[in-house]
């Protein structure tokens, strides 16, 4: 009986199609020529480095967030995914806190 060895994958091999990089949005971008496209003036969100963040929030808030996300989807709002909604909410809250004493978020936090 022939003794066949399984080929062990080389995890350190240079490969532009790394699945982890593809999932996290890191790595090389293959969309280099977007001249003339309708969104060529916008920032290319594919090239933005993203990191996973974990936070504990109440079950009620998570349910409310999920409900709102699906309401937006059903209303045909181009929301993309939940991460985009979280980013938009965080940017909104951080911009509001930059207002200082006029900030609604800071008023809510201070009671």
PDB file of N, CA and C in Angstrom:
ATOM      1  N   UNK A   1       0.848  -1.169   0.000  1.00  0.00           N
ATOM      2  CA  UNK A   1       0.000   0.000   0.000  1.00  0.00           C
ATOM      3  C   UNK A   1       0.893   1.232   0.000  1.00  0.00           C
ATOM      4  N   UNK A   2       0.606   2.156  -0.885  1.00  0.00           N
ATOM      5  CA  UNK A   2       1.414   3.373  -0.988  1.00  0.00           C
ATOM      6  C   UNK A   2       1.118   4.290   0.195  1.00  0.00           C
ATOM      7  N   UNK A   3       2.162   4.900   0.690  1.00  0.00           N
ATOM      8  CA  UNK A   3       2.025   5.807   1.826  1.00  0.00           C
ATOM      9  C   UNK A   3       1.969   7.238   1.298  1.00  0.00           C
ATOM     10  N   UNK A   4       0.769   7.816   1.227  1.00  0.00           N
ATOM     11  CA  UNK A   4       0.613   9.175   0.703  1.00  0.00           C
ATOM     12  C   UNK A   4       0.522  10.147   1.868  1.00  0.00           C
ATOM     13  N   UNK A   5       1.348  11.183   1.806  1.00  0.00           N
ATOM     14  CA  UNK A   5       1.293  12.223   2.827  1.00  0.00           C
ATOM     15  C   UNK A   5       0.396  13.346   2.337  1.00  0.00           C
ATOM     16  N   UNK A   6      -0.364  13.891   3.255  1.00  0.00           N
ATOM     17  CA  UNK A   6      -1.169  15.051   2.909  1.00  0.00           C
ATOM     18  C   UNK A   6      -0.255  16.259   2.823  1.00  0.00           C
ATOM     19  N   UNK A   7      -0.536  17.122   1.846  1.00  0.00           N
ATOM     20  CA  UNK A   7       0.249  18.338   1.708  1.00  0.00           C
ATOM     21  C   UNK A   7      -0.163  19.311   2.818  1.00  0.00           C
ATOM     22  N   UNK A   8       0.798  19.726   3.602  1.00  0.00           N
ATOM     23  CA  UNK A   8       0.541  20.667   4.690  1.00  0.00           C
ATOM     24  C   UNK A   8       0.563  22.075   4.107  1.00  0.00           C
ATOM     25  N   UNK A   9      -0.470  22.877   4.365  1.00  0.00           N
ATOM     26  CA  UNK A   9      -0.477  24.238   3.811  1.00  0.00           C
ATOM     27  C   UNK A   9       0.614  25.095   4.439  1.00  0.00           C
ATOM     28  N   UNK A  10       1.181  25.966   3.630  1.00  0.00           N
ATOM     29  CA  UNK A  10       2.200  26.901   4.104  1.00  0.00           C
ATOM     30  C   UNK A  10       1.490  28.173   4.546  1.00  0.00           C
ATOM     31  N   UNK A  11       1.331  28.352   5.854  1.00  0.00           N
ATOM     32  CA  UNK A  11       0.593  29.492   6.377  1.00  0.00           C
ATOM     33  C   UNK A  11       1.360  30.806   6.236  1.00  0.00           C
ATOM     34  N   UNK A  12       2.647  30.734   5.941  1.00  0.00           N
ATOM     35  CA  UNK A  12       3.457  31.939   5.824  1.00  0.00           C
ATOM     36  C   UNK A  12       3.726  32.317   4.370  1.00  0.00           C
ATOM     37  N   UNK A  13       3.097  31.617   3.459  1.00  0.00           N
ATOM     38  CA  UNK A  13       3.246  31.893   2.036  1.00  0.00           C
ATOM     39  C   UNK A  13       2.633  33.260   1.707  1.00  0.00           C
ATOM     40  N   UNK A  14       3.325  34.036   0.896  1.00  0.00           N
ATOM     41  CA  UNK A  14       2.796  35.331   0.459  1.00  0.00           C
ATOM     42  C   UNK A  14       1.684  35.074  -0.547  1.00  0.00           C
ATOM     43  N   UNK A  15       0.489  35.530  -0.217  1.00  0.00           N
ATOM     44  CA  UNK A  15      -0.657  35.307  -1.078  1.00  0.00           C
ATOM     45  C   UNK A  15      -1.553  36.532  -0.998  1.00  0.00           C
ATOM     46  N   UNK A  16      -1.781  37.223  -2.132  1.00  0.00           N
ATOM     47  CA  UNK A  16      -2.611  38.434  -2.077  1.00  0.00           C
ATOM     48  C   UNK A  16      -4.080  38.153  -1.773  1.00  0.00           C
ATOM     49  N   UNK A  17      -4.497  36.911  -1.797  1.00  0.00           N
ATOM     50  CA  UNK A  17      -5.892  36.563  -1.546  1.00  0.00           C
ATOM     51  C   UNK A  17      -6.050  35.898  -0.182  1.00  0.00           C
ATOM     52  N   UNK A  18      -5.438  36.478   0.833  1.00  0.00           N
ATOM     53  CA  UNK A  18      -5.524  35.956   2.186  1.00  0.00           C
ATOM     54  C   UNK A  18      -6.956  36.087   2.696  1.00  0.00           C
ATOM     55  N   UNK A  19      -7.600  35.006   3.125  1.00  0.00           N
ATOM     56  CA  UNK A  19      -8.999  35.087   3.551  1.00  0.00           C
ATOM     57  C   UNK A  19      -9.215  35.971   4.776  1.00  0.00           C
ATOM     58  N   UNK A  20      -8.260  36.020   5.697  1.00  0.00           N
ATOM     59  CA  UNK A  20      -8.411  36.887   6.869  1.00  0.00           C
ATOM     60  C   UNK A  20      -8.376  38.346   6.441  1.00  0.00           C
ATOM     61  N   UNK A  21      -7.441  38.689   5.566  1.00  0.00           N
ATOM     62  CA  UNK A  21      -7.375  40.062   5.067  1.00  0.00           C
ATOM     63  C   UNK A  21      -8.624  40.417   4.272  1.00  0.00           C
ATOM     64  N   UNK A  22      -9.127  39.475   3.522  1.00  0.00           N
ATOM     65  CA  UNK A  22     -10.339  39.740   2.744  1.00  0.00           C
ATOM     66  C   UNK A  22     -11.528  39.984   3.666  1.00  0.00           C
ATOM     67  N   UNK A  23     -11.616  39.238   4.761  1.00  0.00           N
ATOM     68  CA  UNK A  23     -12.742  39.387   5.687  1.00  0.00           C
ATOM     69  C   UNK A  23     -12.658  40.665   6.503  1.00  0.00           C
ATOM     70  N   UNK A  24     -11.434  41.084   6.850  1.00  0.00           N
ATOM     71  CA  UNK A  24     -11.281  42.273   7.693  1.00  0.00           C
ATOM     72  C   UNK A  24     -11.090  43.544   6.897  1.00  0.00           C
ATOM     73  N   UNK A  25     -10.938  43.425   5.586  1.00  0.00           N
ATOM     74  CA  UNK A  25     -10.767  44.616   4.764  1.00  0.00           C
ATOM     75  C   UNK A  25      -9.339  45.096   4.690  1.00  0.00           C
ATOM     76  N   UNK A  26      -8.402  44.323   5.219  1.00  0.00           N
ATOM     77  CA  UNK A  26      -6.991  44.697   5.155  1.00  0.00           C
ATOM     78  C   UNK A  26      -6.383  44.094   3.902  1.00  0.00           C
ATOM     79  N   UNK A  27      -5.178  44.502   3.608  1.00  0.00           N
ATOM     80  CA  UNK A  27      -4.473  43.908   2.493  1.00  0.00           C
ATOM     81  C   UNK A  27      -4.585  44.748   1.245  1.00  0.00           C
ATOM     82  N   UNK A  28      -4.064  44.227   0.143  1.00  0.00           N
ATOM     83  CA  UNK A  28      -4.027  45.010  -1.087  1.00  0.00           C
ATOM     84  C   UNK A  28      -5.406  45.226  -1.673  1.00  0.00           C
ATOM     85  N   UNK A  29      -5.567  46.354  -2.306  1.00  0.00           N
ATOM     86  CA  UNK A  29      -6.819  46.660  -2.986  1.00  0.00           C
ATOM     87  C   UNK A  29      -6.617  46.406  -4.471  1.00  0.00           C
ATOM     88  N   UNK A  30      -7.523  45.673  -5.076  1.00  0.00           N
ATOM     89  CA  UNK A  30      -7.391  45.364  -6.490  1.00  0.00           C
ATOM     90  C   UNK A  30      -8.243  46.280  -7.348  1.00  0.00           C
ATOM     91  N   UNK A  31      -9.016  47.178  -6.727  1.00  0.00           N
ATOM     92  CA  UNK A  31      -9.829  48.152  -7.445  1.00  0.00           C
ATOM     93  C   UNK A  31      -9.047  49.463  -7.501  1.00  0.00           C
ATOM     94  N   UNK A  32      -8.063  49.540  -8.414  1.00  0.00           N
ATOM     95  CA  UNK A  32      -7.176  50.700  -8.431  1.00  0.00           C
ATOM     96  C   UNK A  32      -7.617  51.773  -9.401  1.00  0.00           C
ATOM     97  N   UNK A  33      -8.492  51.444 -10.331  1.00  0.00           N
ATOM     98  CA  UNK A  33      -8.881  52.429 -11.336  1.00  0.00           C
ATOM     99  C   UNK A  33     -10.375  52.685 -11.257  1.00  0.00           C
ATOM    100  N   UNK A  34     -10.748  53.708 -10.475  1.00  0.00           N
ATOM    101  CA  UNK A  34     -12.172  54.033 -10.388  1.00  0.00           C
ATOM    102  C   UNK A  34     -12.441  55.395 -10.998  1.00  0.00           C
ATOM    103  N   UNK A  35     -11.579  55.824 -11.905  1.00  0.00           N
ATOM    104  CA  UNK A  35     -11.785  57.111 -12.564  1.00  0.00           C
ATOM    105  C   UNK A  35     -13.040  57.044 -13.408  1.00  0.00           C
ATOM    106  N   UNK A  36     -13.826  58.091 -13.310  1.00  0.00           N
ATOM    107  CA  UNK A  36     -15.031  58.147 -14.105  1.00  0.00           C
ATOM    108  C   UNK A  36     -16.217  57.450 -13.474  1.00  0.00           C
ATOM    109  N   UNK A  37     -15.990  56.739 -12.386  1.00  0.00           N
ATOM    110  CA  UNK A  37     -17.140  56.111 -11.741  1.00  0.00           C
ATOM    111  C   UNK A  37     -17.912  57.152 -10.961  1.00  0.00           C
ATOM    112  N   UNK A  38     -19.169  56.839 -10.661  1.00  0.00           N
ATOM    113  CA  UNK A  38     -20.011  57.843 -10.029  1.00  0.00           C
ATOM    114  C   UNK A  38     -19.587  58.160  -8.604  1.00  0.00           C
ATOM    115  N   UNK A  39     -18.786  57.285  -7.966  1.00  0.00           N
ATOM    116  CA  UNK A  39     -18.352  57.579  -6.611  1.00  0.00           C
ATOM    117  C   UNK A  39     -16.846  57.800  -6.526  1.00  0.00           C
ATOM    118  N   UNK A  40     -16.230  58.264  -7.630  1.00  0.00           N
ATOM    119  CA  UNK A  40     -14.787  58.466  -7.611  1.00  0.00           C
ATOM    120  C   UNK A  40     -14.377  59.604  -6.697  1.00  0.00           C
ATOM    121  N   UNK A  41     -15.285  60.530  -6.377  1.00  0.00           N
ATOM    122  CA  UNK A  41     -14.960  61.621  -5.478  1.00  0.00           C
ATOM    123  C   UNK A  41     -15.099  61.256  -4.018  1.00  0.00           C
ATOM    124  N   UNK A  42     -15.725  60.128  -3.736  1.00  0.00           N
ATOM    125  CA  UNK A  42     -15.925  59.699  -2.358  1.00  0.00           C
ATOM    126  C   UNK A  42     -14.728  58.889  -1.888  1.00  0.00           C
ATOM    127  N   UNK A  43     -14.552  58.824  -0.582  1.00  0.00           N
ATOM    128  CA  UNK A  43     -13.484  57.992  -0.025  1.00  0.00           C
ATOM    129  C   UNK A  43     -13.806  56.531  -0.308  1.00  0.00           C
ATOM    130  N   UNK A  44     -12.791  55.783  -0.703  1.00  0.00           N
ATOM    131  CA  UNK A  44     -12.981  54.370  -0.985  1.00  0.00           C
ATOM    132  C   UNK A  44     -13.009  53.608   0.334  1.00  0.00           C
ATOM    133  N   UNK A  45     -14.175  53.160   0.754  1.00  0.00           N
ATOM    134  CA  UNK A  45     -14.328  52.524   2.056  1.00  0.00           C
ATOM    135  C   UNK A  45     -13.667  51.156   2.100  1.00  0.00           C
ATOM    136  N   UNK A  46     -13.325  50.591   0.956  1.00  0.00           N
ATOM    137  CA  UNK A  46     -12.639  49.310   0.948  1.00  0.00           C
ATOM    138  C   UNK A  46     -11.234  49.444   1.519  1.00  0.00           C
ATOM    139  N   UNK A  47     -10.641  50.634   1.427  1.00  0.00           N
ATOM    140  CA  UNK A  47      -9.274  50.827   1.869  1.00  0.00           C
ATOM    141  C   UNK A  47      -9.177  51.281   3.316  1.00  0.00           C
ATOM    142  N   UNK A  48     -10.295  51.451   4.002  1.00  0.00           N
ATOM    143  CA  UNK A  48     -10.285  51.895   5.384  1.00  0.00           C
ATOM    144  C   UNK A  48      -9.973  50.701   6.270  1.00  0.00           C
ATOM    145  N   UNK A  49      -8.943  50.855   7.119  1.00  0.00           N
ATOM    146  CA  UNK A  49      -8.599  49.759   8.021  1.00  0.00           C
ATOM    147  C   UNK A  49      -9.652  49.661   9.116  1.00  0.00           C
ATOM    148  N   UNK A  50     -10.125  48.474   9.356  1.00  0.00           N
ATOM    149  CA  UNK A  50     -11.156  48.246  10.365  1.00  0.00           C
ATOM    150  C   UNK A  50     -10.609  47.279  11.405  1.00  0.00           C
ATOM    151  N   UNK A  51     -11.039  47.474  12.634  1.00  0.00           N
ATOM    152  CA  UNK A  51     -10.675  46.567  13.717  1.00  0.00           C
ATOM    153  C   UNK A  51     -11.939  46.146  14.435  1.00  0.00           C
ATOM    154  N   UNK A  52     -11.938  44.913  14.889  1.00  0.00           N
ATOM    155  CA  UNK A  52     -13.093  44.402  15.620  1.00  0.00           C
ATOM    156  C   UNK A  52     -13.076  44.982  17.025  1.00  0.00           C
ATOM    157  N   UNK A  53     -14.246  45.401  17.493  1.00  0.00           N
ATOM    158  CA  UNK A  53     -14.387  45.936  18.845  1.00  0.00           C
ATOM    159  C   UNK A  53     -15.513  45.193  19.543  1.00  0.00           C
ATOM    160  N   UNK A  54     -15.322  44.926  20.805  1.00  0.00           N
ATOM    161  CA  UNK A  54     -16.359  44.241  21.568  1.00  0.00           C
ATOM    162  C   UNK A  54     -16.791  45.085  22.748  1.00  0.00           C
ATOM    163  N   UNK A  55     -18.106  45.217  22.919  1.00  0.00           N
ATOM    164  CA  UNK A  55     -18.660  46.009  24.007  1.00  0.00           C
ATOM    165  C   UNK A  55     -19.829  45.258  24.609  1.00  0.00           C
ATOM    166  N   UNK A  56     -20.055  45.478  25.876  1.00  0.00           N
ATOM    167  CA  UNK A  56     -21.228  44.924  26.531  1.00  0.00           C
ATOM    168  C   UNK A  56     -22.312  45.986  26.557  1.00  0.00           C
ATOM    169  N   UNK A  57     -23.480  45.624  26.051  1.00  0.00           N
ATOM    170  CA  UNK A  57     -24.634  46.521  26.089  1.00  0.00           C
ATOM    171  C   UNK A  57     -25.835  45.714  26.568  1.00  0.00           C
ATOM    172  N   UNK A  58     -26.842  46.417  27.031  1.00  0.00           N
ATOM    173  CA  UNK A  58     -28.021  45.720  27.558  1.00  0.00           C
ATOM    174  C   UNK A  58     -28.744  44.971  26.440  1.00  0.00           C
ATOM    175  N   UNK A  59     -29.440  43.928  26.830  1.00  0.00           N
ATOM    176  CA  UNK A  59     -30.216  43.144  25.864  1.00  0.00           C
ATOM    177  C   UNK A  59     -31.286  43.999  25.200  1.00  0.00           C
ATOM    178  N   UNK A  60     -31.882  44.902  25.977  1.00  0.00           N
ATOM    179  CA  UNK A  60     -32.930  45.764  25.436  1.00  0.00           C
ATOM    180  C   UNK A  60     -32.364  46.687  24.353  1.00  0.00           C
ATOM    181  N   UNK A  61     -31.176  47.243  24.606  1.00  0.00           N
ATOM    182  CA  UNK A  61     -30.567  48.128  23.612  1.00  0.00           C
ATOM    183  C   UNK A  61     -30.178  47.347  22.363  1.00  0.00           C
ATOM    184  N   UNK A  62     -29.656  46.148  22.548  1.00  0.00           N
ATOM    185  CA  UNK A  62     -29.296  45.316  21.401  1.00  0.00           C
ATOM    186  C   UNK A  62     -30.532  44.960  20.580  1.00  0.00           C
ATOM    187  N   UNK A  63     -31.623  44.618  21.248  1.00  0.00           N
ATOM    188  CA  UNK A  63     -32.875  44.321  20.538  1.00  0.00           C
ATOM    189  C   UNK A  63     -33.360  45.549  19.769  1.00  0.00           C
ATOM    190  N   UNK A  64     -33.275  46.711  20.403  1.00  0.00           N
ATOM    191  CA  UNK A  64     -33.701  47.958  19.746  1.00  0.00           C
ATOM    192  C   UNK A  64     -32.828  48.250  18.524  1.00  0.00           C
ATOM    193  N   UNK A  65     -31.514  48.046  18.677  1.00  0.00           N
ATOM    194  CA  UNK A  65     -30.581  48.256  17.567  1.00  0.00           C
ATOM    195  C   UNK A  65     -30.913  47.324  16.405  1.00  0.00           C
ATOM    196  N   UNK A  66     -31.079  46.037  16.701  1.00  0.00           N
ATOM    197  CA  UNK A  66     -31.396  45.061  15.646  1.00  0.00           C
ATOM    198  C   UNK A  66     -32.713  45.389  14.961  1.00  0.00           C
ATOM    199  N   UNK A  67     -33.716  45.780  15.739  1.00  0.00           N
ATOM    200  CA  UNK A  67     -35.014  46.143  15.171  1.00  0.00           C
ATOM    201  C   UNK A  67     -34.868  47.344  14.237  1.00  0.00           C
ATOM    202  N   UNK A  68     -34.128  48.362  14.671  1.00  0.00           N
ATOM    203  CA  UNK A  68     -33.942  49.563  13.844  1.00  0.00           C
ATOM    204  C   UNK A  68     -33.174  49.225  12.569  1.00  0.00           C
ATOM    205  N   UNK A  69     -32.158  48.375  12.685  1.00  0.00           N
ATOM    206  CA  UNK A  69     -31.390  47.969  11.510  1.00  0.00           C
ATOM    207  C   UNK A  69     -32.305  47.329  10.470  1.00  0.00           C
ATOM    208  N   UNK A  70     -33.151  46.406  10.900  1.00  0.00           N
ATOM    209  CA  UNK A  70     -34.033  45.726   9.950  1.00  0.00           C
ATOM    210  C   UNK A  70     -35.148  46.638   9.450  1.00  0.00           C
ATOM    211  N   UNK A  71     -35.581  47.593  10.266  1.00  0.00           N
ATOM    212  CA  UNK A  71     -36.544  48.595   9.787  1.00  0.00           C
ATOM    213  C   UNK A  71     -35.934  49.409   8.648  1.00  0.00           C
ATOM    214  N   UNK A  72     -34.671  49.795   8.810  1.00  0.00           N
ATOM    215  CA  UNK A  72     -33.990  50.554   7.754  1.00  0.00           C
ATOM    216  C   UNK A  72     -33.852  49.719   6.488  1.00  0.00           C
ATOM    217  N   UNK A  73     -33.521  48.435   6.655  1.00  0.00           N
ATOM    218  CA  UNK A  73     -33.416  47.537   5.499  1.00  0.00           C
ATOM    219  C   UNK A  73     -34.760  47.429   4.773  1.00  0.00           C
ATOM    220  N   UNK A  74     -35.840  47.250   5.544  1.00  0.00           N
ATOM    221  CA  UNK A  74     -37.168  47.123   4.940  1.00  0.00           C
ATOM    222  C   UNK A  74     -37.621  48.418   4.276  1.00  0.00           C
ATOM    223  N   UNK A  75     -37.100  49.551   4.737  1.00  0.00           N
ATOM    224  CA  UNK A  75     -37.435  50.850   4.145  1.00  0.00           C
ATOM    225  C   UNK A  75     -36.540  51.159   2.941  1.00  0.00           C
ATOM    226  N   UNK A  76     -35.769  50.163   2.501  1.00  0.00           N
ATOM    227  CA  UNK A  76     -34.865  50.294   1.348  1.00  0.00           C
ATOM    228  C   UNK A  76     -33.812  51.377   1.529  1.00  0.00           C
ATOM    229  N   UNK A  77     -33.379  51.593   2.759  1.00  0.00           N
ATOM    230  CA  UNK A  77     -32.276  52.516   3.016  1.00  0.00           C
ATOM    231  C   UNK A  77     -30.987  51.728   2.855  1.00  0.00           C
ATOM    232  N   UNK A  78     -30.063  52.271   2.077  1.00  0.00           N
ATOM    233  CA  UNK A  78     -28.815  51.576   1.761  1.00  0.00           C
ATOM    234  C   UNK A  78     -27.886  51.612   2.973  1.00  0.00           C
ATOM    235  N   UNK A  79     -28.175  50.775   3.960  1.00  0.00           N
ATOM    236  CA  UNK A  79     -27.416  50.762   5.206  1.00  0.00           C
ATOM    237  C   UNK A  79     -26.210  49.841   5.120  1.00  0.00           C
ATOM    238  N   UNK A  80     -26.231  48.870   4.238  1.00  0.00           N
ATOM    239  CA  UNK A  80     -25.092  47.969   4.092  1.00  0.00           C
ATOM    240  C   UNK A  80     -25.096  46.879   5.141  1.00  0.00           C
ATOM    241  N   UNK A  81     -24.505  47.173   6.293  1.00  0.00           N
ATOM    242  CA  UNK A  81     -24.456  46.179   7.362  1.00  0.00           C
ATOM    243  C   UNK A  81     -24.518  46.863   8.719  1.00  0.00           C
ATOM    244  N   UNK A  82     -24.557  46.070   9.770  1.00  0.00           N
ATOM    245  CA  UNK A  82     -24.707  46.624  11.117  1.00  0.00           C
ATOM    246  C   UNK A  82     -23.501  47.459  11.529  1.00  0.00           C
ATOM    247  N   UNK A  83     -22.322  47.100  11.058  1.00  0.00           N
ATOM    248  CA  UNK A  83     -21.122  47.865  11.411  1.00  0.00           C
ATOM    249  C   UNK A  83     -21.218  49.303  10.919  1.00  0.00           C
ATOM    250  N   UNK A  84     -21.798  49.495   9.748  1.00  0.00           N
ATOM    251  CA  UNK A  84     -21.952  50.847   9.205  1.00  0.00           C
ATOM    252  C   UNK A  84     -22.890  51.663  10.085  1.00  0.00           C
ATOM    253  N   UNK A  85     -23.963  51.035  10.559  1.00  0.00           N
ATOM    254  CA  UNK A  85     -24.898  51.731  11.448  1.00  0.00           C
ATOM    255  C   UNK A  85     -24.229  52.084  12.774  1.00  0.00           C
ATOM    256  N   UNK A  86     -23.440  51.166  13.332  1.00  0.00           N
ATOM    257  CA  UNK A  86     -22.726  51.442  14.581  1.00  0.00           C
ATOM    258  C   UNK A  86     -21.735  52.584  14.380  1.00  0.00           C
ATOM    259  N   UNK A  87     -20.985  52.559  13.275  1.00  0.00           N
ATOM    260  CA  UNK A  87     -20.028  53.634  12.994  1.00  0.00           C
ATOM    261  C   UNK A  87     -20.730  54.980  12.879  1.00  0.00           C
ATOM    262  N   UNK A  88     -21.853  55.016  12.178  1.00  0.00           N
ATOM    263  CA  UNK A  88     -22.589  56.275  12.016  1.00  0.00           C
ATOM    264  C   UNK A  88     -23.069  56.797  13.369  1.00  0.00           C
ATOM    265  N   UNK A  89     -23.579  55.899  14.209  1.00  0.00           N
ATOM    266  CA  UNK A  89     -24.057  56.311  15.532  1.00  0.00           C
ATOM    267  C   UNK A  89     -22.910  56.811  16.403  1.00  0.00           C
ATOM    268  N   UNK A  90     -21.762  56.141  16.343  1.00  0.00           N
ATOM    269  CA  UNK A  90     -20.608  56.579  17.132  1.00  0.00           C
ATOM    270  C   UNK A  90     -20.085  57.926  16.665  1.00  0.00           C
ATOM    271  N   UNK A  91     -19.997  58.121  15.358  1.00  0.00           N
ATOM    272  CA  UNK A  91     -19.546  59.410  14.828  1.00  0.00           C
ATOM    273  C   UNK A  91     -20.502  60.509  15.268  1.00  0.00           C
ATOM    274  N   UNK A  92     -21.790  60.236  15.176  1.00  0.00           N
ATOM    275  CA  UNK A  92     -22.800  61.211  15.590  1.00  0.00           C
ATOM    276  C   UNK A  92     -22.639  61.554  17.071  1.00  0.00           C
ATOM    277  N   UNK A  93     -22.490  60.531  17.918  1.00  0.00           N
ATOM    278  CA  UNK A  93     -22.356  60.751  19.362  1.00  0.00           C
ATOM    279  C   UNK A  93     -21.063  61.491  19.695  1.00  0.00           C
ATOM    280  N   UNK A  94     -19.960  61.119  19.066  1.00  0.00           N
ATOM    281  CA  UNK A  94     -18.678  61.781  19.339  1.00  0.00           C
ATOM    282  C   UNK A  94     -18.693  63.231  18.873  1.00  0.00           C
ATOM    283  N   UNK A  95     -19.293  63.480  17.702  1.00  0.00           N
ATOM    284  CA  UNK A  95     -19.420  64.863  17.222  1.00  0.00           C
ATOM    285  C   UNK A  95     -20.274  65.686  18.175  1.00  0.00           C
ATOM    286  N   UNK A  96     -21.331  65.074  18.696  1.00  0.00           N
ATOM    287  CA  UNK A  96     -22.193  65.772  19.645  1.00  0.00           C
ATOM    288  C   UNK A  96     -21.426  66.100  20.929  1.00  0.00           C
ATOM    289  N   UNK A  97     -20.622  65.163  21.425  1.00  0.00           N
ATOM    290  CA  UNK A  97     -19.866  65.404  22.653  1.00  0.00           C
ATOM    291  C   UNK A  97     -18.817  66.496  22.478  1.00  0.00           C
ATOM    292  N   UNK A  98     -18.358  66.693  21.240  1.00  0.00           N
ATOM    293  CA  UNK A  98     -17.405  67.772  20.962  1.00  0.00           C
ATOM    294  C   UNK A  98     -18.028  69.149  21.147  1.00  0.00           C
ATOM    295  N   UNK A  99     -19.349  69.222  21.230  1.00  0.00           N
ATOM    296  CA  UNK A  99     -20.038  70.505  21.411  1.00  0.00           C
ATOM    297  C   UNK A  99     -19.937  71.024  22.843  1.00  0.00           C
ATOM    298  N   UNK A 100     -19.424  70.204  23.747  1.00  0.00           N
ATOM    299  CA  UNK A 100     -19.262  70.628  25.134  1.00  0.00           C
ATOM    300  C   UNK A 100     -20.578  70.690  25.878  1.00  0.00           C
ATOM    301  N   UNK A 101     -20.869  71.849  26.479  1.00  0.00           N
ATOM    302  CA  UNK A 101     -22.066  71.998  27.322  1.00  0.00           C
ATOM    303  C   UNK A 101     -23.363  71.847  26.537  1.00  0.00           C
ATOM    304  N   UNK A 102     -23.328  72.039  25.234  1.00  0.00           N
ATOM    305  CA  UNK A 102     -24.525  71.906  24.401  1.00  0.00           C
ATOM    306  C   UNK A 102     -24.806  70.447  24.007  1.00  0.00           C
ATOM    307  N   UNK A 103     -23.912  69.551  24.371  1.00  0.00           N
ATOM    308  CA  UNK A 103     -24.016  68.154  23.956  1.00  0.00           C
ATOM    309  C   UNK A 103     -25.183  67.440  24.621  1.00  0.00           C
ATOM    310  N   UNK A 104     -26.043  66.844  23.816  1.00  0.00           N
ATOM    311  CA  UNK A 104     -27.154  66.044  24.334  1.00  0.00           C
ATOM    312  C   UNK A 104     -26.646  64.749  24.972  1.00  0.00           C
ATOM    313  N   UNK A 105     -25.596  64.174  24.397  1.00  0.00           N
ATOM    314  CA  UNK A 105     -25.044  62.930  24.940  1.00  0.00           C
ATOM    315  C   UNK A 105     -24.456  63.181  26.325  1.00  0.00           C
ATOM    316  N   UNK A 106     -23.685  64.255  26.476  1.00  0.00           N
ATOM    317  CA  UNK A 106     -23.100  64.563  27.782  1.00  0.00           C
ATOM    318  C   UNK A 106     -24.177  64.869  28.816  1.00  0.00           C
ATOM    319  N   UNK A 107     -25.246  65.523  28.398  1.00  0.00           N
ATOM    320  CA  UNK A 107     -26.360  65.788  29.316  1.00  0.00           C
ATOM    321  C   UNK A 107     -26.997  64.474  29.770  1.00  0.00           C
ATOM    322  N   UNK A 108     -27.136  63.533  28.852  1.00  0.00           N
ATOM    323  CA  UNK A 108     -27.721  62.230  29.180  1.00  0.00           C
ATOM    324  C   UNK A 108     -26.813  61.466  30.147  1.00  0.00           C
ATOM    325  N   UNK A 109     -25.498  61.542  29.924  1.00  0.00           N
ATOM    326  CA  UNK A 109     -24.549  60.824  30.774  1.00  0.00           C
ATOM    327  C   UNK A 109     -24.452  61.423  32.176  1.00  0.00           C
ATOM    328  N   UNK A 110     -24.605  62.739  32.270  1.00  0.00           N
ATOM    329  CA  UNK A 110     -24.463  63.398  33.573  1.00  0.00           C
ATOM    330  C   UNK A 110     -25.757  63.360  34.387  1.00  0.00           C
ATOM    331  N   UNK A 111     -26.795  62.836  33.812  1.00  0.00           N
ATOM    332  CA  UNK A 111     -28.032  62.654  34.563  1.00  0.00           C
ATOM    333  C   UNK A 111     -28.932  63.781  34.396  1.00  0.00           C
TER     334      UNK A 111
END
